[in-house]
Amino acid sequence: MIKDKAIQYFMSGYSCSECIVQACIDEGICDKNLLPCATTFSGGMSSGCACGSVTGSQLILGYIFGRGNKFGNTISAREKASEFVEEFKKRNKVTCCRILSAGYSGSERKQHCTKFVSDACEILEELMKVKV
């Protein structure tokens, strides 16, 4: 559902966090006003910390499951957030952008990071199934 779109956006210039949010906007999962919020999460929040694919996905989980969400979901957003991180770490060992992208720069880094965008989308889609 969102993975292919997110990768297309990522490869066309969107950041790792933005591409996931934009793909969710396209699918009607979240409001278009959420996209600017994702911009600061890219590149490990511009410090190399948490991977933007992780933080962008967390933004979507908060939108769907967070306090006062418009869907009426009563599932704990923090529980979903924890599940996301646990699965991402199973696949990639860490969530740190600096570690995940070590040794890559420019277009090689972009290509390398498509795996993390892909993984994040797959995990996010699984965790959102409760919403549908």
N, C-alpha and C. Protein backbone atom coordinates (compact mmCIF):
# COMPACT_ATOMS: atom_id res chain seq x y z
N MET A 1 0.82 -1.19 0.00
CA MET A 1 0.00 0.00 0.00
C MET A 1 0.87 1.26 0.00
N ILE A 2 1.56 1.56 1.08
CA ILE A 2 2.33 2.81 1.12
C ILE A 2 3.80 2.63 0.72
N LYS A 3 4.32 1.43 0.79
CA LYS A 3 5.75 1.22 0.57
C LYS A 3 6.22 1.71 -0.80
N ASP A 4 5.55 1.30 -1.85
CA ASP A 4 5.99 1.69 -3.20
C ASP A 4 5.95 3.19 -3.38
N LYS A 5 4.87 3.81 -2.91
CA LYS A 5 4.75 5.27 -3.02
C LYS A 5 5.85 5.96 -2.21
N ALA A 6 6.08 5.48 -1.01
CA ALA A 6 7.10 6.10 -0.15
C ALA A 6 8.47 6.02 -0.81
N ILE A 7 8.81 4.89 -1.38
CA ILE A 7 10.12 4.75 -2.04
C ILE A 7 10.21 5.67 -3.25
N GLN A 8 9.13 5.81 -4.00
CA GLN A 8 9.12 6.74 -5.14
C GLN A 8 9.38 8.17 -4.66
N TYR A 9 8.67 8.57 -3.62
CA TYR A 9 8.88 9.91 -3.08
C TYR A 9 10.31 10.08 -2.56
N PHE A 10 10.81 9.06 -1.87
CA PHE A 10 12.15 9.12 -1.32
C PHE A 10 13.19 9.30 -2.43
N MET A 11 13.06 8.54 -3.48
CA MET A 11 14.03 8.61 -4.58
C MET A 11 13.87 9.88 -5.42
N SER A 12 12.74 10.57 -5.26
CA SER A 12 12.54 11.80 -6.04
C SER A 12 12.85 13.07 -5.24
N GLY A 13 13.41 12.90 -4.03
CA GLY A 13 13.85 14.08 -3.29
C GLY A 13 13.25 14.29 -1.92
N TYR A 14 12.20 13.57 -1.59
CA TYR A 14 11.65 13.67 -0.23
C TYR A 14 12.62 13.01 0.74
N SER A 15 12.61 13.47 1.97
CA SER A 15 13.45 12.83 2.99
C SER A 15 12.79 11.53 3.43
N CYS A 16 13.52 10.76 4.23
CA CYS A 16 13.02 9.48 4.72
C CYS A 16 11.73 9.64 5.53
N SER A 17 11.67 10.63 6.37
CA SER A 17 10.46 10.85 7.17
C SER A 17 9.33 11.41 6.31
N GLU A 18 9.65 12.35 5.44
CA GLU A 18 8.62 12.97 4.60
C GLU A 18 7.97 11.99 3.64
N CYS A 19 8.75 11.08 3.07
CA CYS A 19 8.20 10.18 2.06
C CYS A 19 7.15 9.24 2.66
N ILE A 20 7.36 8.82 3.89
CA ILE A 20 6.39 7.95 4.55
C ILE A 20 5.10 8.73 4.84
N VAL A 21 5.24 9.92 5.35
CA VAL A 21 4.06 10.74 5.65
C VAL A 21 3.32 11.09 4.35
N GLN A 22 4.04 11.47 3.29
CA GLN A 22 3.38 11.81 2.02
C GLN A 22 2.64 10.60 1.45
N ALA A 23 3.23 9.43 1.53
CA ALA A 23 2.54 8.22 1.05
C ALA A 23 1.27 7.97 1.86
N CYS A 24 1.32 8.22 3.15
CA CYS A 24 0.13 8.06 4.00
C CYS A 24 -0.93 9.12 3.66
N ILE A 25 -0.50 10.32 3.32
CA ILE A 25 -1.44 11.35 2.88
C ILE A 25 -2.13 10.90 1.60
N ASP A 26 -1.35 10.39 0.66
CA ASP A 26 -1.91 9.92 -0.61
C ASP A 26 -2.96 8.83 -0.41
N GLU A 27 -2.76 8.00 0.59
CA GLU A 27 -3.68 6.90 0.86
C GLU A 27 -4.85 7.30 1.76
N GLY A 28 -4.90 8.57 2.15
CA GLY A 28 -5.99 9.04 3.00
C GLY A 28 -5.86 8.63 4.46
N ILE A 29 -4.66 8.24 4.85
CA ILE A 29 -4.42 7.80 6.23
C ILE A 29 -4.29 8.99 7.17
N CYS A 30 -3.70 10.06 6.67
CA CYS A 30 -3.52 11.24 7.52
C CYS A 30 -3.75 12.51 6.72
N ASP A 31 -3.84 13.60 7.42
CA ASP A 31 -4.10 14.90 6.84
C ASP A 31 -2.84 15.48 6.20
N LYS A 32 -3.00 16.23 5.13
CA LYS A 32 -1.86 16.82 4.42
C LYS A 32 -1.08 17.80 5.28
N ASN A 33 -1.70 18.34 6.31
CA ASN A 33 -1.01 19.28 7.19
C ASN A 33 0.05 18.62 8.07
N LEU A 34 0.10 17.29 8.04
CA LEU A 34 1.10 16.57 8.82
C LEU A 34 2.47 16.56 8.13
N LEU A 35 2.51 16.78 6.82
CA LEU A 35 3.78 16.70 6.09
C LEU A 35 4.85 17.67 6.61
N PRO A 36 4.55 18.94 6.85
CA PRO A 36 5.59 19.83 7.36
C PRO A 36 6.18 19.36 8.70
N CYS A 37 5.39 18.67 9.48
CA CYS A 37 5.89 18.16 10.77
C CYS A 37 6.98 17.11 10.57
N ALA A 38 6.92 16.39 9.46
CA ALA A 38 7.89 15.32 9.18
C ALA A 38 9.24 15.85 8.74
N THR A 39 9.30 17.06 8.24
CA THR A 39 10.54 17.60 7.67
C THR A 39 11.68 17.61 8.67
N THR A 40 11.42 17.97 9.90
CA THR A 40 12.51 18.07 10.89
C THR A 40 13.02 16.72 11.36
N PHE A 41 12.31 15.65 11.04
CA PHE A 41 12.74 14.32 11.49
C PHE A 41 13.78 13.68 10.57
N SER A 42 14.00 14.22 9.40
CA SER A 42 14.93 13.59 8.46
C SER A 42 16.38 13.72 8.92
N GLY A 43 17.18 12.79 8.45
CA GLY A 43 18.60 12.80 8.80
C GLY A 43 18.84 12.65 10.29
N GLY A 44 18.02 11.83 10.92
CA GLY A 44 18.18 11.64 12.36
C GLY A 44 17.93 12.93 13.11
N MET A 45 16.86 13.64 12.69
CA MET A 45 16.51 14.94 13.27
C MET A 45 17.67 15.92 13.09
N SER A 46 18.33 15.78 11.95
CA SER A 46 19.49 16.60 11.56
C SER A 46 20.66 16.47 12.53
N SER A 47 20.65 15.40 13.32
CA SER A 47 21.76 15.17 14.24
C SER A 47 22.33 13.76 14.12
N GLY A 48 21.70 12.95 13.29
CA GLY A 48 22.17 11.58 13.13
C GLY A 48 21.58 10.61 14.14
N CYS A 49 20.64 11.07 14.93
CA CYS A 49 20.05 10.19 15.95
C CYS A 49 19.03 9.25 15.32
N ALA A 50 17.80 9.27 15.75
CA ALA A 50 16.79 8.33 15.28
C ALA A 50 16.56 8.45 13.77
N CYS A 51 16.54 7.32 13.11
CA CYS A 51 16.30 7.23 11.67
C CYS A 51 14.98 7.92 11.33
N GLY A 52 14.98 8.74 10.28
CA GLY A 52 13.78 9.43 9.85
C GLY A 52 12.65 8.51 9.43
N SER A 53 12.99 7.32 8.94
CA SER A 53 11.94 6.36 8.60
C SER A 53 11.20 5.92 9.85
N VAL A 54 11.93 5.80 10.93
CA VAL A 54 11.33 5.43 12.21
C VAL A 54 10.49 6.58 12.75
N THR A 55 11.04 7.78 12.77
CA THR A 55 10.32 8.91 13.36
C THR A 55 9.11 9.31 12.51
N GLY A 56 9.23 9.23 11.20
CA GLY A 56 8.08 9.51 10.34
C GLY A 56 6.95 8.52 10.59
N SER A 57 7.32 7.26 10.76
CA SER A 57 6.33 6.23 11.06
C SER A 57 5.70 6.46 12.42
N GLN A 58 6.51 6.88 13.37
CA GLN A 58 5.98 7.16 14.71
C GLN A 58 4.98 8.31 14.66
N LEU A 59 5.24 9.28 13.81
CA LEU A 59 4.32 10.40 13.64
C LEU A 59 2.95 9.89 13.17
N ILE A 60 2.96 8.98 12.22
CA ILE A 60 1.72 8.40 11.71
C ILE A 60 1.02 7.57 12.79
N LEU A 61 1.77 6.78 13.53
CA LEU A 61 1.18 5.98 14.61
C LEU A 61 0.53 6.89 15.66
N GLY A 62 1.18 8.00 15.98
CA GLY A 62 0.60 8.95 16.92
C GLY A 62 -0.68 9.55 16.38
N TYR A 63 -0.69 9.85 15.09
CA TYR A 63 -1.88 10.42 14.46
C TYR A 63 -3.06 9.45 14.55
N ILE A 64 -2.79 8.19 14.34
CA ILE A 64 -3.86 7.18 14.31
C ILE A 64 -4.26 6.71 15.71
N PHE A 65 -3.27 6.53 16.57
CA PHE A 65 -3.55 5.93 17.88
C PHE A 65 -3.36 6.87 19.07
N GLY A 66 -2.86 8.08 18.82
CA GLY A 66 -2.56 9.01 19.90
C GLY A 66 -3.81 9.58 20.58
N ARG A 67 -3.57 10.22 21.68
CA ARG A 67 -4.63 10.82 22.49
C ARG A 67 -5.52 11.72 21.62
N GLY A 68 -6.82 11.52 21.73
CA GLY A 68 -7.78 12.33 21.01
C GLY A 68 -7.82 12.11 19.51
N ASN A 69 -7.31 10.97 19.03
CA ASN A 69 -7.29 10.73 17.59
C ASN A 69 -8.70 10.72 17.02
N LYS A 70 -8.82 11.09 15.77
CA LYS A 70 -10.13 11.22 15.13
C LYS A 70 -10.77 9.88 14.79
N PHE A 71 -10.02 8.80 14.93
CA PHE A 71 -10.53 7.48 14.57
C PHE A 71 -11.24 6.80 15.75
N GLY A 72 -11.07 7.36 16.93
CA GLY A 72 -11.66 6.74 18.11
C GLY A 72 -10.92 5.51 18.59
N ASN A 73 -9.69 5.34 18.12
CA ASN A 73 -8.89 4.18 18.55
C ASN A 73 -8.53 4.32 20.02
N THR A 74 -8.67 3.24 20.74
CA THR A 74 -8.33 3.26 22.16
C THR A 74 -7.07 2.45 22.44
N ILE A 75 -6.48 1.91 21.40
CA ILE A 75 -5.22 1.18 21.55
C ILE A 75 -4.13 2.18 21.92
N SER A 76 -3.26 1.78 22.81
CA SER A 76 -2.20 2.68 23.26
C SER A 76 -1.20 3.01 22.15
N ALA A 77 -1.06 4.31 21.89
CA ALA A 77 -0.08 4.76 20.90
C ALA A 77 1.33 4.36 21.33
N ARG A 78 1.59 4.43 22.61
CA ARG A 78 2.93 4.07 23.10
C ARG A 78 3.19 2.58 22.91
N GLU A 79 2.17 1.79 23.05
CA GLU A 79 2.32 0.35 22.80
C GLU A 79 2.66 0.10 21.34
N LYS A 80 1.96 0.78 20.44
CA LYS A 80 2.24 0.65 19.00
C LYS A 80 3.65 1.15 18.69
N ALA A 81 4.03 2.26 19.32
CA ALA A 81 5.37 2.83 19.11
C ALA A 81 6.44 1.83 19.51
N SER A 82 6.23 1.19 20.64
CA SER A 82 7.18 0.20 21.14
C SER A 82 7.26 -1.00 20.20
N GLU A 83 6.11 -1.47 19.74
CA GLU A 83 6.08 -2.59 18.80
C GLU A 83 6.84 -2.25 17.53
N PHE A 84 6.65 -1.03 17.05
CA PHE A 84 7.34 -0.59 15.84
C PHE A 84 8.85 -0.66 16.02
N VAL A 85 9.34 -0.05 17.09
CA VAL A 85 10.78 0.00 17.34
C VAL A 85 11.35 -1.41 17.50
N GLU A 86 10.63 -2.26 18.22
CA GLU A 86 11.10 -3.63 18.43
C GLU A 86 11.26 -4.36 17.10
N GLU A 87 10.27 -4.24 16.21
CA GLU A 87 10.34 -4.91 14.92
C GLU A 87 11.43 -4.30 14.03
N PHE A 88 11.55 -2.98 14.03
CA PHE A 88 12.59 -2.33 13.24
C PHE A 88 13.98 -2.80 13.70
N LYS A 89 14.16 -2.91 15.01
CA LYS A 89 15.45 -3.39 15.54
C LYS A 89 15.69 -4.86 15.19
N LYS A 90 14.65 -5.67 15.14
CA LYS A 90 14.81 -7.06 14.72
C LYS A 90 15.37 -7.13 13.31
N ARG A 91 14.91 -6.23 12.48
CA ARG A 91 15.33 -6.23 11.08
C ARG A 91 16.68 -5.55 10.86
N ASN A 92 16.97 -4.53 11.66
CA ASN A 92 18.14 -3.68 11.39
C ASN A 92 19.09 -3.48 12.57
N LYS A 93 18.81 -4.09 13.68
CA LYS A 93 19.62 -4.04 14.91
C LYS A 93 19.54 -2.72 15.66
N VAL A 94 19.46 -1.59 14.98
CA VAL A 94 19.43 -0.27 15.63
C VAL A 94 18.41 0.64 14.94
N THR A 95 18.13 1.77 15.57
CA THR A 95 17.27 2.79 14.96
C THR A 95 18.03 4.08 14.70
N CYS A 96 19.32 4.09 14.97
CA CYS A 96 20.16 5.29 14.84
C CYS A 96 20.56 5.53 13.39
N CYS A 97 20.19 6.68 12.87
CA CYS A 97 20.52 7.05 11.49
C CYS A 97 22.03 6.98 11.23
N ARG A 98 22.80 7.51 12.14
CA ARG A 98 24.25 7.57 11.98
C ARG A 98 24.84 6.17 11.81
N ILE A 99 24.33 5.22 12.56
CA ILE A 99 24.84 3.85 12.48
C ILE A 99 24.30 3.16 11.23
N LEU A 100 23.02 3.33 10.95
CA LEU A 100 22.40 2.69 9.80
C LEU A 100 23.03 3.15 8.48
N SER A 101 23.43 4.40 8.42
CA SER A 101 23.96 4.94 7.15
C SER A 101 25.48 5.11 7.14
N ALA A 102 26.15 4.56 8.14
CA ALA A 102 27.61 4.70 8.23
C ALA A 102 28.29 4.18 6.96
N GLY A 103 29.22 4.98 6.46
CA GLY A 103 30.00 4.59 5.29
C GLY A 103 29.36 4.94 3.96
N TYR A 104 28.19 5.55 4.00
CA TYR A 104 27.49 5.91 2.76
C TYR A 104 27.30 7.41 2.70
N SER A 105 27.34 7.95 1.48
CA SER A 105 27.06 9.37 1.30
C SER A 105 26.44 9.57 -0.08
N GLY A 106 25.82 10.71 -0.26
CA GLY A 106 25.23 11.06 -1.55
C GLY A 106 24.21 10.06 -2.04
N SER A 107 24.29 9.76 -3.33
CA SER A 107 23.31 8.86 -3.94
C SER A 107 23.43 7.43 -3.42
N GLU A 108 24.65 7.02 -3.03
CA GLU A 108 24.81 5.69 -2.45
C GLU A 108 24.05 5.58 -1.13
N ARG A 109 24.10 6.64 -0.34
CA ARG A 109 23.37 6.64 0.93
C ARG A 109 21.87 6.57 0.67
N LYS A 110 21.40 7.36 -0.28
CA LYS A 110 19.97 7.37 -0.61
C LYS A 110 19.52 5.96 -1.00
N GLN A 111 20.29 5.31 -1.86
CA GLN A 111 19.95 3.95 -2.28
C GLN A 111 19.99 2.99 -1.11
N HIS A 112 21.00 3.10 -0.27
CA HIS A 112 21.14 2.24 0.91
C HIS A 112 19.95 2.40 1.85
N CYS A 113 19.50 3.62 2.02
CA CYS A 113 18.42 3.91 2.98
C CYS A 113 17.04 3.50 2.48
N THR A 114 16.91 3.13 1.21
CA THR A 114 15.60 2.66 0.74
C THR A 114 15.17 1.41 1.51
N LYS A 115 16.13 0.62 1.98
CA LYS A 115 15.79 -0.56 2.78
C LYS A 115 15.07 -0.15 4.07
N PHE A 116 15.52 0.92 4.69
CA PHE A 116 14.93 1.36 5.95
C PHE A 116 13.54 1.97 5.73
N VAL A 117 13.39 2.68 4.63
CA VAL A 117 12.07 3.20 4.26
C VAL A 117 11.12 2.03 4.01
N SER A 118 11.59 1.05 3.27
CA SER A 118 10.79 -0.13 2.97
C SER A 118 10.39 -0.89 4.23
N ASP A 119 11.36 -1.15 5.09
CA ASP A 119 11.08 -1.86 6.35
C ASP A 119 10.08 -1.08 7.20
N ALA A 120 10.30 0.22 7.31
CA ALA A 120 9.41 1.06 8.13
C ALA A 120 7.98 1.00 7.59
N CYS A 121 7.82 1.06 6.29
CA CYS A 121 6.48 1.01 5.70
C CYS A 121 5.81 -0.34 5.96
N GLU A 122 6.55 -1.41 5.80
CA GLU A 122 5.99 -2.74 6.05
C GLU A 122 5.53 -2.87 7.50
N ILE A 123 6.34 -2.42 8.42
CA ILE A 123 6.00 -2.50 9.84
C ILE A 123 4.80 -1.60 10.14
N LEU A 124 4.82 -0.40 9.62
CA LEU A 124 3.74 0.55 9.83
C LEU A 124 2.42 0.00 9.30
N GLU A 125 2.45 -0.55 8.10
CA GLU A 125 1.23 -1.12 7.53
C GLU A 125 0.66 -2.22 8.40
N GLU A 126 1.52 -3.06 8.94
CA GLU A 126 1.06 -4.14 9.81
C GLU A 126 0.43 -3.57 11.09
N LEU A 127 1.04 -2.58 11.67
CA LEU A 127 0.53 -2.01 12.91
C LEU A 127 -0.75 -1.20 12.70
N MET A 128 -0.96 -0.69 11.50
CA MET A 128 -2.16 0.09 11.21
C MET A 128 -3.37 -0.78 10.91
N LYS A 129 -3.20 -2.06 10.70
CA LYS A 129 -4.31 -2.93 10.33
C LYS A 129 -5.47 -2.85 11.30
N VAL A 130 -5.20 -2.61 12.55
CA VAL A 130 -6.25 -2.50 13.56
C VAL A 130 -7.18 -1.34 13.25
N LYS A 131 -6.62 -0.27 12.67
CA LYS A 131 -7.39 0.93 12.33
C LYS A 131 -8.46 0.64 11.29
N VAL A 132 -8.11 -0.17 10.32
CA VAL A 132 -8.98 -0.41 9.15
C VAL A 132 -10.18 -1.25 9.49
